[in-house]
Amino acid sequence: MHKARLHGNAPSGAISHARSYEFFSKVVFTGTRRRIFGRLVDLADIGAGDEVLDVGCGPGYLTALAARAGGRAVGVDVSEPMIAEARRRRAGGNCSFQVGRAEALDLPDASFDVVVSSLALHHIPEQSRATAFAEMFRVLRPGGRVLIADFRPPKGHLATHLVGAAAGEAMRDNPVERIAPMLGDAGFDVAATTKVSWFLHCVRADKTGGVE
């Protein structure tokens, strides 16, 4: 799914048209959004009392589902318009949002049980992804887990061309096969790789042991 191009001095990866993105999400998922994102909550094994961080939360749909399943959820996104829209639609109770970068999370060490990130990794600059995974590892408690879900790149010349024209190179050439090894390099133990629907590649990994 294409996130709007940047305007002015917006940071790399930022999305400026938050309400359009929310509407486009509903169209793309055509009534399956709750089922698909509910599946991500299940794969992340979010349960009562869990404190959850959603990195690259966009308008906060997954963050809100995680908050309902767990104890507290915090959504972080580099885009100020996205955070404003998430707060307008979904903040309250045990669900909150803040502006921040995946590669420099302004959050304490070992402060979450679960980290999730959906449809966001391909917007993080490639040279910053290893740092982003290291930050996810840092903010997780020992025994915590991470779930990364991102778009599978299209197959075939025509599909590749169409997706590239409509959504840009980041989605067309999205190297999802690198997610698992990069999580391993960050210190995680990769537990499972799962295909959710026809377009989502999901990797679940754990932060094991007592070493921070």
N, C-alpha and C. Protein backbone atom coordinates (compact mmCIF):
# COMPACT_ATOMS: atom_id res chain seq x y z
N MET A 1 0.85 -1.17 0.00
CA MET A 1 0.00 0.00 0.00
C MET A 1 0.89 1.23 0.00
N HIS A 2 0.63 2.17 -0.89
CA HIS A 2 1.48 3.33 -1.04
C HIS A 2 1.17 4.36 0.02
N LYS A 3 2.19 4.84 0.70
CA LYS A 3 2.04 5.93 1.64
C LYS A 3 2.46 7.21 0.93
N ALA A 4 1.75 8.28 1.20
CA ALA A 4 1.87 9.49 0.42
C ALA A 4 3.31 10.00 0.38
N ARG A 5 3.67 10.67 -0.71
CA ARG A 5 4.99 11.23 -0.86
C ARG A 5 5.20 12.36 0.14
N LEU A 6 6.47 12.66 0.39
CA LEU A 6 6.79 13.65 1.40
C LEU A 6 6.57 15.04 0.86
N HIS A 7 6.34 15.98 1.77
CA HIS A 7 6.21 17.37 1.42
C HIS A 7 7.08 18.20 2.34
N GLY A 8 7.62 19.27 1.83
CA GLY A 8 8.42 20.17 2.64
C GLY A 8 9.60 19.46 3.26
N ASN A 9 9.77 19.66 4.57
CA ASN A 9 10.91 19.08 5.28
C ASN A 9 10.52 17.86 6.11
N ALA A 10 9.48 17.17 5.69
CA ALA A 10 9.07 15.98 6.42
C ALA A 10 10.18 14.96 6.43
N PRO A 11 10.37 14.23 7.53
CA PRO A 11 11.45 13.26 7.61
C PRO A 11 11.24 12.10 6.67
N SER A 12 12.34 11.42 6.32
CA SER A 12 12.26 10.27 5.43
C SER A 12 11.32 9.23 6.00
N GLY A 13 10.42 8.73 5.15
CA GLY A 13 9.47 7.72 5.58
C GLY A 13 8.18 8.30 6.12
N ALA A 14 8.09 9.64 6.24
CA ALA A 14 6.89 10.24 6.80
C ALA A 14 5.75 10.21 5.81
N ILE A 15 4.53 10.22 6.33
CA ILE A 15 3.31 10.20 5.54
C ILE A 15 2.53 11.46 5.87
N SER A 16 2.16 12.23 4.85
CA SER A 16 1.53 13.51 5.12
C SER A 16 0.02 13.48 4.96
N HIS A 17 -0.53 12.52 4.22
CA HIS A 17 -1.96 12.50 3.96
C HIS A 17 -2.61 11.38 4.79
N ALA A 18 -2.75 11.61 6.09
CA ALA A 18 -3.17 10.56 7.00
C ALA A 18 -4.60 10.10 6.74
N ARG A 19 -5.52 11.02 6.52
CA ARG A 19 -6.91 10.62 6.34
C ARG A 19 -7.09 9.88 5.02
N SER A 20 -6.36 10.29 3.98
CA SER A 20 -6.42 9.57 2.71
C SER A 20 -5.89 8.16 2.86
N TYR A 21 -4.83 8.02 3.65
CA TYR A 21 -4.25 6.70 3.87
C TYR A 21 -5.23 5.79 4.60
N GLU A 22 -5.92 6.35 5.61
CA GLU A 22 -6.91 5.57 6.35
C GLU A 22 -8.02 5.08 5.41
N PHE A 23 -8.50 5.97 4.54
CA PHE A 23 -9.54 5.60 3.60
C PHE A 23 -9.03 4.54 2.61
N PHE A 24 -7.80 4.74 2.11
CA PHE A 24 -7.23 3.81 1.15
C PHE A 24 -7.05 2.43 1.78
N SER A 25 -6.70 2.40 3.07
CA SER A 25 -6.54 1.12 3.77
C SER A 25 -7.84 0.34 3.76
N LYS A 26 -8.94 1.03 4.02
CA LYS A 26 -10.24 0.36 4.02
C LYS A 26 -10.57 -0.21 2.65
N VAL A 27 -10.24 0.55 1.60
CA VAL A 27 -10.52 0.10 0.24
C VAL A 27 -9.67 -1.12 -0.11
N VAL A 28 -8.37 -1.04 0.19
CA VAL A 28 -7.45 -2.13 -0.15
C VAL A 28 -7.83 -3.43 0.55
N PHE A 29 -8.19 -3.34 1.81
CA PHE A 29 -8.51 -4.55 2.57
C PHE A 29 -9.94 -5.03 2.35
N THR A 30 -10.78 -4.21 1.74
CA THR A 30 -12.14 -4.59 1.33
C THR A 30 -12.86 -5.50 2.34
N GLY A 31 -12.96 -5.01 3.56
CA GLY A 31 -13.71 -5.75 4.56
C GLY A 31 -12.93 -6.82 5.31
N THR A 32 -11.66 -7.00 4.99
CA THR A 32 -10.86 -8.05 5.64
C THR A 32 -9.86 -7.48 6.64
N ARG A 33 -9.86 -6.17 6.84
CA ARG A 33 -8.82 -5.56 7.68
C ARG A 33 -8.87 -6.10 9.10
N ARG A 34 -10.05 -6.19 9.68
CA ARG A 34 -10.15 -6.68 11.07
C ARG A 34 -9.63 -8.12 11.16
N ARG A 35 -9.98 -8.95 10.20
CA ARG A 35 -9.53 -10.34 10.24
C ARG A 35 -8.02 -10.44 10.09
N ILE A 36 -7.46 -9.70 9.13
CA ILE A 36 -6.03 -9.79 8.85
C ILE A 36 -5.21 -9.24 10.01
N PHE A 37 -5.59 -8.07 10.52
CA PHE A 37 -4.83 -7.49 11.62
C PHE A 37 -5.08 -8.24 12.93
N GLY A 38 -6.27 -8.82 13.06
CA GLY A 38 -6.51 -9.69 14.20
C GLY A 38 -5.59 -10.90 14.17
N ARG A 39 -5.31 -11.38 12.98
CA ARG A 39 -4.37 -12.49 12.83
C ARG A 39 -2.96 -12.08 13.28
N LEU A 40 -2.57 -10.84 13.01
CA LEU A 40 -1.26 -10.36 13.46
C LEU A 40 -1.20 -10.32 14.98
N VAL A 41 -2.29 -9.90 15.61
CA VAL A 41 -2.34 -9.90 17.08
C VAL A 41 -2.18 -11.32 17.61
N ASP A 42 -2.82 -12.28 16.95
CA ASP A 42 -2.69 -13.68 17.36
C ASP A 42 -1.27 -14.19 17.18
N LEU A 43 -0.67 -13.88 16.03
CA LEU A 43 0.69 -14.35 15.75
C LEU A 43 1.69 -13.76 16.74
N ALA A 44 1.44 -12.53 17.19
CA ALA A 44 2.32 -11.91 18.19
C ALA A 44 2.04 -12.42 19.59
N ASP A 45 0.98 -13.23 19.74
CA ASP A 45 0.63 -13.83 21.03
C ASP A 45 0.40 -12.76 22.10
N ILE A 46 -0.32 -11.70 21.71
CA ILE A 46 -0.62 -10.62 22.65
C ILE A 46 -1.74 -11.06 23.57
N GLY A 47 -1.49 -10.96 24.87
CA GLY A 47 -2.49 -11.39 25.84
C GLY A 47 -2.69 -10.36 26.94
N ALA A 48 -3.61 -10.65 27.84
CA ALA A 48 -3.95 -9.73 28.92
C ALA A 48 -2.71 -9.32 29.71
N GLY A 49 -2.57 -8.03 29.92
CA GLY A 49 -1.46 -7.51 30.70
C GLY A 49 -0.22 -7.18 29.90
N ASP A 50 -0.13 -7.60 28.64
CA ASP A 50 1.04 -7.31 27.83
C ASP A 50 1.12 -5.82 27.49
N GLU A 51 2.32 -5.28 27.56
CA GLU A 51 2.58 -3.92 27.11
C GLU A 51 3.18 -4.01 25.72
N VAL A 52 2.54 -3.34 24.76
CA VAL A 52 2.84 -3.52 23.34
C VAL A 52 3.29 -2.21 22.72
N LEU A 53 4.33 -2.29 21.90
CA LEU A 53 4.79 -1.15 21.11
C LEU A 53 4.54 -1.44 19.64
N ASP A 54 3.87 -0.52 18.94
CA ASP A 54 3.62 -0.63 17.51
C ASP A 54 4.50 0.39 16.79
N VAL A 55 5.51 -0.10 16.07
CA VAL A 55 6.49 0.75 15.40
C VAL A 55 6.04 1.01 13.97
N GLY A 56 5.93 2.29 13.62
CA GLY A 56 5.39 2.65 12.31
C GLY A 56 3.89 2.44 12.30
N CYS A 57 3.22 2.97 13.31
CA CYS A 57 1.82 2.62 13.57
C CYS A 57 0.82 3.21 12.60
N GLY A 58 1.23 4.22 11.80
CA GLY A 58 0.27 4.85 10.90
C GLY A 58 -0.89 5.43 11.69
N PRO A 59 -2.13 5.24 11.19
CA PRO A 59 -3.30 5.78 11.90
C PRO A 59 -3.74 4.95 13.10
N GLY A 60 -2.97 3.92 13.47
CA GLY A 60 -3.17 3.27 14.75
C GLY A 60 -4.14 2.10 14.79
N TYR A 61 -4.48 1.52 13.64
CA TYR A 61 -5.46 0.44 13.64
C TYR A 61 -4.95 -0.77 14.41
N LEU A 62 -3.73 -1.22 14.10
CA LEU A 62 -3.17 -2.38 14.80
C LEU A 62 -2.90 -2.05 16.27
N THR A 63 -2.46 -0.82 16.53
CA THR A 63 -2.21 -0.41 17.92
C THR A 63 -3.46 -0.58 18.77
N ALA A 64 -4.60 -0.14 18.23
CA ALA A 64 -5.86 -0.23 18.97
C ALA A 64 -6.26 -1.68 19.21
N LEU A 65 -6.09 -2.55 18.22
CA LEU A 65 -6.40 -3.97 18.41
C LEU A 65 -5.49 -4.58 19.46
N ALA A 66 -4.22 -4.20 19.44
CA ALA A 66 -3.27 -4.72 20.44
C ALA A 66 -3.65 -4.25 21.83
N ALA A 67 -4.11 -3.01 21.93
CA ALA A 67 -4.52 -2.49 23.25
C ALA A 67 -5.71 -3.26 23.80
N ARG A 68 -6.63 -3.63 22.93
CA ARG A 68 -7.79 -4.39 23.39
C ARG A 68 -7.39 -5.78 23.86
N ALA A 69 -6.39 -6.38 23.19
CA ALA A 69 -5.98 -7.73 23.54
C ALA A 69 -5.02 -7.76 24.73
N GLY A 70 -4.26 -6.67 24.92
CA GLY A 70 -3.25 -6.64 25.97
C GLY A 70 -3.60 -5.70 27.10
N GLY A 71 -2.56 -5.17 27.72
CA GLY A 71 -2.78 -4.27 28.84
C GLY A 71 -2.58 -2.81 28.49
N ARG A 72 -1.61 -2.54 27.58
CA ARG A 72 -1.32 -1.18 27.16
C ARG A 72 -0.63 -1.24 25.81
N ALA A 73 -0.93 -0.30 24.92
CA ALA A 73 -0.27 -0.25 23.62
C ALA A 73 0.13 1.19 23.31
N VAL A 74 1.34 1.33 22.80
CA VAL A 74 1.87 2.63 22.39
C VAL A 74 2.21 2.54 20.90
N GLY A 75 1.71 3.48 20.12
CA GLY A 75 2.03 3.55 18.70
C GLY A 75 3.02 4.66 18.44
N VAL A 76 4.05 4.37 17.65
CA VAL A 76 5.08 5.35 17.30
C VAL A 76 5.15 5.45 15.78
N ASP A 77 5.19 6.68 15.27
CA ASP A 77 5.33 6.88 13.84
C ASP A 77 6.11 8.17 13.61
N VAL A 78 6.89 8.19 12.52
CA VAL A 78 7.69 9.36 12.20
C VAL A 78 6.84 10.51 11.67
N SER A 79 5.63 10.21 11.22
CA SER A 79 4.76 11.21 10.60
C SER A 79 3.86 11.90 11.63
N GLU A 80 4.01 13.19 11.78
CA GLU A 80 3.15 13.94 12.69
C GLU A 80 1.68 13.89 12.28
N PRO A 81 1.35 14.02 10.95
CA PRO A 81 -0.06 13.89 10.57
C PRO A 81 -0.65 12.52 10.90
N MET A 82 0.14 11.46 10.76
CA MET A 82 -0.36 10.13 11.09
C MET A 82 -0.65 10.02 12.59
N ILE A 83 0.26 10.54 13.40
CA ILE A 83 0.05 10.48 14.85
C ILE A 83 -1.17 11.32 15.24
N ALA A 84 -1.34 12.46 14.60
CA ALA A 84 -2.52 13.28 14.90
C ALA A 84 -3.81 12.53 14.55
N GLU A 85 -3.80 11.82 13.41
CA GLU A 85 -4.98 11.06 13.02
C GLU A 85 -5.21 9.87 13.95
N ALA A 86 -4.13 9.21 14.34
CA ALA A 86 -4.26 8.08 15.28
C ALA A 86 -4.84 8.55 16.61
N ARG A 87 -4.36 9.68 17.09
CA ARG A 87 -4.89 10.21 18.35
C ARG A 87 -6.36 10.58 18.20
N ARG A 88 -6.72 11.19 17.09
CA ARG A 88 -8.10 11.60 16.88
C ARG A 88 -9.04 10.41 16.84
N ARG A 89 -8.60 9.32 16.19
CA ARG A 89 -9.47 8.16 15.99
C ARG A 89 -9.43 7.15 17.13
N ARG A 90 -8.23 6.96 17.73
CA ARG A 90 -8.07 5.74 18.52
C ARG A 90 -7.39 5.91 19.87
N ALA A 91 -6.94 7.10 20.23
CA ALA A 91 -6.28 7.27 21.52
C ALA A 91 -7.30 7.22 22.66
N GLY A 92 -6.83 6.80 23.82
CA GLY A 92 -7.70 6.78 24.99
C GLY A 92 -7.47 5.53 25.81
N GLY A 93 -7.71 5.64 27.09
CA GLY A 93 -7.55 4.47 27.94
C GLY A 93 -6.13 3.95 27.91
N ASN A 94 -5.97 2.72 27.45
CA ASN A 94 -4.64 2.10 27.45
C ASN A 94 -3.98 2.15 26.08
N CYS A 95 -4.40 3.09 25.21
CA CYS A 95 -3.85 3.21 23.85
C CYS A 95 -3.38 4.64 23.65
N SER A 96 -2.08 4.82 23.37
CA SER A 96 -1.52 6.16 23.19
C SER A 96 -0.57 6.18 22.00
N PHE A 97 -0.23 7.39 21.55
CA PHE A 97 0.58 7.55 20.33
C PHE A 97 1.58 8.67 20.52
N GLN A 98 2.75 8.50 19.88
CA GLN A 98 3.76 9.53 19.94
C GLN A 98 4.59 9.53 18.66
N VAL A 99 5.08 10.71 18.31
CA VAL A 99 5.96 10.85 17.14
C VAL A 99 7.33 10.30 17.50
N GLY A 100 7.91 9.51 16.60
CA GLY A 100 9.24 8.98 16.86
C GLY A 100 9.75 8.16 15.69
N ARG A 101 11.04 7.96 15.66
CA ARG A 101 11.70 7.19 14.60
C ARG A 101 11.98 5.76 15.08
N ALA A 102 11.79 4.82 14.19
CA ALA A 102 12.06 3.42 14.52
C ALA A 102 13.51 3.21 14.91
N GLU A 103 14.42 3.96 14.30
CA GLU A 103 15.84 3.75 14.55
C GLU A 103 16.35 4.56 15.75
N ALA A 104 15.47 5.31 16.42
CA ALA A 104 15.87 6.09 17.60
C ALA A 104 14.67 6.24 18.51
N LEU A 105 14.21 5.14 19.08
CA LEU A 105 13.01 5.15 19.90
C LEU A 105 13.27 5.86 21.23
N ASP A 106 12.43 6.83 21.55
CA ASP A 106 12.57 7.58 22.79
C ASP A 106 11.78 6.87 23.89
N LEU A 107 12.24 5.66 24.20
CA LEU A 107 11.55 4.80 25.15
C LEU A 107 12.59 4.05 25.99
N PRO A 108 12.26 3.71 27.23
CA PRO A 108 13.24 3.07 28.10
C PRO A 108 13.60 1.65 27.65
N ASP A 109 14.76 1.19 28.08
CA ASP A 109 15.16 -0.19 27.86
C ASP A 109 14.16 -1.13 28.53
N ALA A 110 13.95 -2.28 27.90
CA ALA A 110 13.18 -3.38 28.50
C ALA A 110 11.84 -2.91 29.07
N SER A 111 11.10 -2.14 28.27
CA SER A 111 9.84 -1.56 28.76
C SER A 111 8.59 -2.15 28.12
N PHE A 112 8.75 -3.11 27.18
CA PHE A 112 7.60 -3.71 26.51
C PHE A 112 7.73 -5.23 26.47
N ASP A 113 6.56 -5.88 26.44
CA ASP A 113 6.52 -7.33 26.29
C ASP A 113 6.47 -7.76 24.83
N VAL A 114 5.89 -6.91 23.98
CA VAL A 114 5.71 -7.23 22.56
C VAL A 114 5.99 -5.99 21.73
N VAL A 115 6.70 -6.18 20.62
CA VAL A 115 6.83 -5.14 19.60
C VAL A 115 6.22 -5.66 18.31
N VAL A 116 5.37 -4.86 17.70
CA VAL A 116 4.81 -5.20 16.39
C VAL A 116 5.13 -4.09 15.41
N SER A 117 5.17 -4.44 14.14
CA SER A 117 5.36 -3.45 13.08
C SER A 117 4.73 -4.00 11.82
N SER A 118 3.75 -3.27 11.29
CA SER A 118 3.04 -3.76 10.11
C SER A 118 3.07 -2.73 8.98
N LEU A 119 3.43 -3.18 7.80
CA LEU A 119 3.40 -2.36 6.59
C LEU A 119 4.23 -1.09 6.73
N ALA A 120 5.29 -1.17 7.52
CA ALA A 120 6.12 0.01 7.78
C ALA A 120 7.58 -0.19 7.42
N LEU A 121 8.07 -1.42 7.46
CA LEU A 121 9.51 -1.63 7.31
C LEU A 121 10.04 -1.10 5.99
N HIS A 122 9.26 -1.25 4.90
CA HIS A 122 9.77 -0.82 3.60
C HIS A 122 9.86 0.70 3.49
N HIS A 123 9.31 1.44 4.48
CA HIS A 123 9.43 2.89 4.50
C HIS A 123 10.62 3.35 5.33
N ILE A 124 11.23 2.45 6.09
CA ILE A 124 12.44 2.80 6.83
C ILE A 124 13.62 2.73 5.86
N PRO A 125 14.44 3.77 5.77
CA PRO A 125 15.59 3.71 4.86
C PRO A 125 16.40 2.44 5.08
N GLU A 126 16.81 1.82 4.00
CA GLU A 126 17.47 0.52 4.10
C GLU A 126 18.67 0.55 5.02
N GLN A 127 19.43 1.65 4.99
CA GLN A 127 20.63 1.74 5.82
C GLN A 127 20.30 1.89 7.30
N SER A 128 19.02 2.14 7.63
CA SER A 128 18.62 2.33 9.02
C SER A 128 17.90 1.12 9.61
N ARG A 129 17.63 0.11 8.80
CA ARG A 129 16.80 -1.00 9.28
C ARG A 129 17.49 -1.82 10.36
N ALA A 130 18.78 -2.06 10.24
CA ALA A 130 19.48 -2.82 11.28
C ALA A 130 19.41 -2.08 12.62
N THR A 131 19.55 -0.76 12.58
CA THR A 131 19.44 0.04 13.80
C THR A 131 18.03 -0.03 14.37
N ALA A 132 17.02 -0.01 13.49
CA ALA A 132 15.63 -0.12 13.95
C ALA A 132 15.39 -1.44 14.65
N PHE A 133 15.90 -2.54 14.10
CA PHE A 133 15.73 -3.84 14.76
C PHE A 133 16.48 -3.88 16.10
N ALA A 134 17.65 -3.24 16.15
CA ALA A 134 18.39 -3.18 17.42
C ALA A 134 17.60 -2.40 18.46
N GLU A 135 16.91 -1.34 18.05
CA GLU A 135 16.08 -0.57 18.96
C GLU A 135 14.90 -1.39 19.47
N MET A 136 14.29 -2.17 18.59
CA MET A 136 13.20 -3.05 19.01
C MET A 136 13.70 -4.05 20.06
N PHE A 137 14.89 -4.59 19.83
CA PHE A 137 15.48 -5.52 20.79
C PHE A 137 15.71 -4.83 22.13
N ARG A 138 16.21 -3.61 22.08
CA ARG A 138 16.54 -2.87 23.31
C ARG A 138 15.31 -2.62 24.17
N VAL A 139 14.19 -2.23 23.56
CA VAL A 139 13.01 -1.85 24.36
C VAL A 139 12.20 -3.06 24.81
N LEU A 140 12.51 -4.26 24.31
CA LEU A 140 11.81 -5.46 24.75
C LEU A 140 12.40 -6.02 26.03
N ARG A 141 11.53 -6.52 26.88
CA ARG A 141 11.98 -7.26 28.06
C ARG A 141 12.48 -8.64 27.64
N PRO A 142 13.42 -9.22 28.38
CA PRO A 142 13.80 -10.61 28.12
C PRO A 142 12.57 -11.49 28.17
N GLY A 143 12.44 -12.38 27.19
CA GLY A 143 11.24 -13.19 27.06
C GLY A 143 10.18 -12.55 26.18
N GLY A 144 10.44 -11.32 25.74
CA GLY A 144 9.50 -10.64 24.86
C GLY A 144 9.60 -11.13 23.43
N ARG A 145 8.74 -10.60 22.57
CA ARG A 145 8.67 -11.07 21.19
C ARG A 145 8.36 -9.92 20.25
N VAL A 146 8.77 -10.11 19.02
CA VAL A 146 8.56 -9.11 17.97
C VAL A 146 7.86 -9.78 16.80
N LEU A 147 6.96 -9.05 16.16
CA LEU A 147 6.32 -9.53 14.94
C LEU A 147 6.43 -8.43 13.89
N ILE A 148 7.09 -8.76 12.79
CA ILE A 148 7.24 -7.83 11.67
C ILE A 148 6.39 -8.35 10.51
N ALA A 149 5.50 -7.51 10.01
CA ALA A 149 4.66 -7.87 8.86
C ALA A 149 4.84 -6.82 7.78
N ASP A 150 5.17 -7.28 6.58
CA ASP A 150 5.34 -6.32 5.48
C ASP A 150 4.89 -6.95 4.17
N PHE A 151 4.73 -6.10 3.17
CA PHE A 151 4.23 -6.54 1.88
C PHE A 151 5.18 -7.49 1.18
N ARG A 152 4.63 -8.55 0.64
CA ARG A 152 5.39 -9.43 -0.23
C ARG A 152 5.50 -8.76 -1.59
N PRO A 153 6.68 -8.73 -2.22
CA PRO A 153 6.80 -8.09 -3.53
C PRO A 153 6.03 -8.88 -4.59
N PRO A 154 5.57 -8.20 -5.63
CA PRO A 154 4.79 -8.87 -6.67
C PRO A 154 5.63 -9.85 -7.47
N LYS A 155 4.95 -10.82 -8.08
CA LYS A 155 5.61 -11.80 -8.94
C LYS A 155 5.26 -11.50 -10.39
N GLY A 156 6.21 -11.70 -11.26
CA GLY A 156 5.96 -11.52 -12.69
C GLY A 156 6.25 -10.10 -13.14
N HIS A 157 6.59 -9.97 -14.41
CA HIS A 157 7.00 -8.68 -14.97
C HIS A 157 5.88 -7.66 -14.94
N LEU A 158 4.68 -8.06 -15.35
CA LEU A 158 3.58 -7.11 -15.42
C LEU A 158 3.19 -6.61 -14.04
N ALA A 159 3.05 -7.53 -13.09
CA ALA A 159 2.69 -7.14 -11.73
C ALA A 159 3.75 -6.24 -11.12
N THR A 160 5.02 -6.56 -11.36
CA THR A 160 6.11 -5.73 -10.84
C THR A 160 6.04 -4.33 -11.42
N HIS A 161 5.78 -4.24 -12.70
CA HIS A 161 5.69 -2.93 -13.36
C HIS A 161 4.52 -2.12 -12.80
N LEU A 162 3.36 -2.76 -12.65
CA LEU A 162 2.17 -2.05 -12.18
C LEU A 162 2.34 -1.57 -10.74
N VAL A 163 2.88 -2.43 -9.88
CA VAL A 163 3.08 -2.03 -8.49
C VAL A 163 4.13 -0.94 -8.39
N GLY A 164 5.19 -1.04 -9.19
CA GLY A 164 6.21 -0.01 -9.18
C GLY A 164 5.66 1.34 -9.61
N ALA A 165 4.80 1.33 -10.63
CA ALA A 165 4.21 2.57 -11.12
C ALA A 165 3.24 3.17 -10.11
N ALA A 166 2.48 2.31 -9.43
CA ALA A 166 1.44 2.80 -8.52
C ALA A 166 1.96 3.09 -7.13
N ALA A 167 2.92 2.30 -6.65
CA ALA A 167 3.32 2.39 -5.25
C ALA A 167 4.78 2.71 -5.03
N GLY A 168 5.59 2.68 -6.08
CA GLY A 168 6.98 3.04 -5.93
C GLY A 168 7.90 1.86 -5.72
N GLU A 169 9.20 2.14 -5.79
CA GLU A 169 10.21 1.08 -5.74
C GLU A 169 10.26 0.37 -4.40
N ALA A 170 10.00 1.09 -3.31
CA ALA A 170 10.11 0.49 -1.98
C ALA A 170 9.21 -0.72 -1.83
N MET A 171 8.02 -0.64 -2.40
CA MET A 171 7.08 -1.76 -2.31
C MET A 171 7.34 -2.78 -3.41
N ARG A 172 7.69 -2.30 -4.59
CA ARG A 172 7.94 -3.21 -5.72
C ARG A 172 9.10 -4.14 -5.45
N ASP A 173 10.16 -3.62 -4.81
CA ASP A 173 11.38 -4.39 -4.59
C ASP A 173 11.57 -4.78 -3.13
N ASN A 174 10.49 -4.82 -2.37
CA ASN A 174 10.58 -5.04 -0.94
C ASN A 174 11.27 -6.37 -0.60
N PRO A 175 12.45 -6.35 0.03
CA PRO A 175 13.21 -7.58 0.27
C PRO A 175 12.80 -8.28 1.56
N VAL A 176 11.59 -8.83 1.59
CA VAL A 176 11.09 -9.41 2.84
C VAL A 176 11.92 -10.61 3.31
N GLU A 177 12.63 -11.24 2.39
CA GLU A 177 13.44 -12.39 2.80
C GLU A 177 14.59 -12.00 3.72
N ARG A 178 14.89 -10.71 3.81
CA ARG A 178 15.98 -10.25 4.67
C ARG A 178 15.52 -10.00 6.11
N ILE A 179 14.22 -9.99 6.34
CA ILE A 179 13.73 -9.65 7.67
C ILE A 179 14.23 -10.63 8.72
N ALA A 180 14.07 -11.92 8.47
CA ALA A 180 14.47 -12.92 9.46
C ALA A 180 15.96 -12.86 9.77
N PRO A 181 16.85 -12.84 8.78
CA PRO A 181 18.27 -12.77 9.12
C PRO A 181 18.66 -11.47 9.84
N MET A 182 18.01 -10.37 9.49
CA MET A 182 18.33 -9.12 10.17
C MET A 182 17.87 -9.14 11.63
N LEU A 183 16.72 -9.77 11.89
CA LEU A 183 16.30 -9.95 13.28
C LEU A 183 17.30 -10.81 14.04
N GLY A 184 17.79 -11.86 13.39
CA GLY A 184 18.82 -12.70 14.01
C GLY A 184 20.07 -11.91 14.33
N ASP A 185 20.49 -11.05 13.40
CA ASP A 185 21.67 -10.22 13.63
C ASP A 185 21.48 -9.27 14.81
N ALA A 186 20.22 -8.86 15.05
CA ALA A 186 19.93 -7.94 16.15
C ALA A 186 19.90 -8.64 17.50
N GLY A 187 19.96 -9.99 17.49
CA GLY A 187 19.97 -10.74 18.74
C GLY A 187 18.74 -11.57 19.00
N PHE A 188 17.75 -11.49 18.11
CA PHE A 188 16.53 -12.26 18.28
C PHE A 188 16.71 -13.72 17.85
N ASP A 189 15.89 -14.58 18.43
CA ASP A 189 15.75 -15.96 17.95
C ASP A 189 14.51 -16.01 17.08
N VAL A 190 14.68 -16.26 15.79
CA VAL A 190 13.55 -16.29 14.87
C VAL A 190 12.74 -17.55 15.12
N ALA A 191 11.44 -17.35 15.37
CA ALA A 191 10.57 -18.47 15.73
C ALA A 191 9.76 -19.00 14.56
N ALA A 192 9.25 -18.11 13.70
CA ALA A 192 8.37 -18.57 12.62
C ALA A 192 8.25 -17.49 11.55
N THR A 193 8.06 -17.96 10.33
CA THR A 193 7.74 -17.09 9.20
C THR A 193 6.40 -17.55 8.65
N THR A 194 5.48 -16.61 8.49
CA THR A 194 4.11 -16.95 8.13
C THR A 194 3.62 -16.04 7.02
N LYS A 195 2.86 -16.61 6.10
CA LYS A 195 2.19 -15.82 5.07
C LYS A 195 0.76 -15.56 5.54
N VAL A 196 0.39 -14.29 5.63
CA VAL A 196 -0.96 -13.91 6.03
C VAL A 196 -1.62 -13.25 4.83
N SER A 197 -2.73 -13.81 4.40
CA SER A 197 -3.37 -13.41 3.15
C SER A 197 -2.39 -13.63 2.01
N TRP A 198 -2.60 -12.98 0.88
CA TRP A 198 -1.73 -13.22 -0.27
C TRP A 198 -0.58 -12.23 -0.34
N PHE A 199 -0.59 -11.22 0.54
CA PHE A 199 0.38 -10.15 0.36
C PHE A 199 1.22 -9.83 1.59
N LEU A 200 0.99 -10.49 2.72
CA LEU A 200 1.72 -10.15 3.92
C LEU A 200 2.71 -11.25 4.31
N HIS A 201 3.96 -10.86 4.47
CA HIS A 201 5.03 -11.74 4.94
C HIS A 201 5.30 -11.38 6.39
N CYS A 202 5.14 -12.34 7.30
CA CYS A 202 5.26 -12.07 8.74
C CYS A 202 6.37 -12.90 9.34
N VAL A 203 7.17 -12.26 10.18
CA VAL A 203 8.24 -12.96 10.90
C VAL A 203 8.06 -12.70 12.39
N ARG A 204 8.00 -13.76 13.15
CA ARG A 204 7.92 -13.69 14.62
C ARG A 204 9.27 -14.12 15.19
N ALA A 205 9.80 -13.34 16.14
CA ALA A 205 11.07 -13.66 16.77
C ALA A 205 10.98 -13.33 18.26
N ASP A 206 11.86 -13.96 19.04
CA ASP A 206 11.82 -13.83 20.49
C ASP A 206 13.13 -13.28 21.03
N LYS A 207 13.02 -12.53 22.13
CA LYS A 207 14.20 -12.10 22.88
C LYS A 207 14.32 -13.04 24.07
N THR A 208 15.20 -13.96 23.97
CA THR A 208 15.28 -15.02 24.98
C THR A 208 16.29 -14.68 26.05
N GLY A 209 16.22 -15.44 27.14
CA GLY A 209 17.21 -15.35 28.20
C GLY A 209 17.09 -14.11 29.06
N GLY A 210 18.08 -13.93 29.89
CA GLY A 210 18.08 -12.80 30.81
C GLY A 210 19.10 -11.74 30.45
N VAL A 211 19.76 -11.88 29.29
CA VAL A 211 20.78 -10.91 28.91
C VAL A 211 20.13 -9.81 28.12
N GLU A 212 20.30 -8.59 28.51
CA GLU A 212 19.68 -7.44 27.86
C GLU A 212 20.56 -6.98 26.71
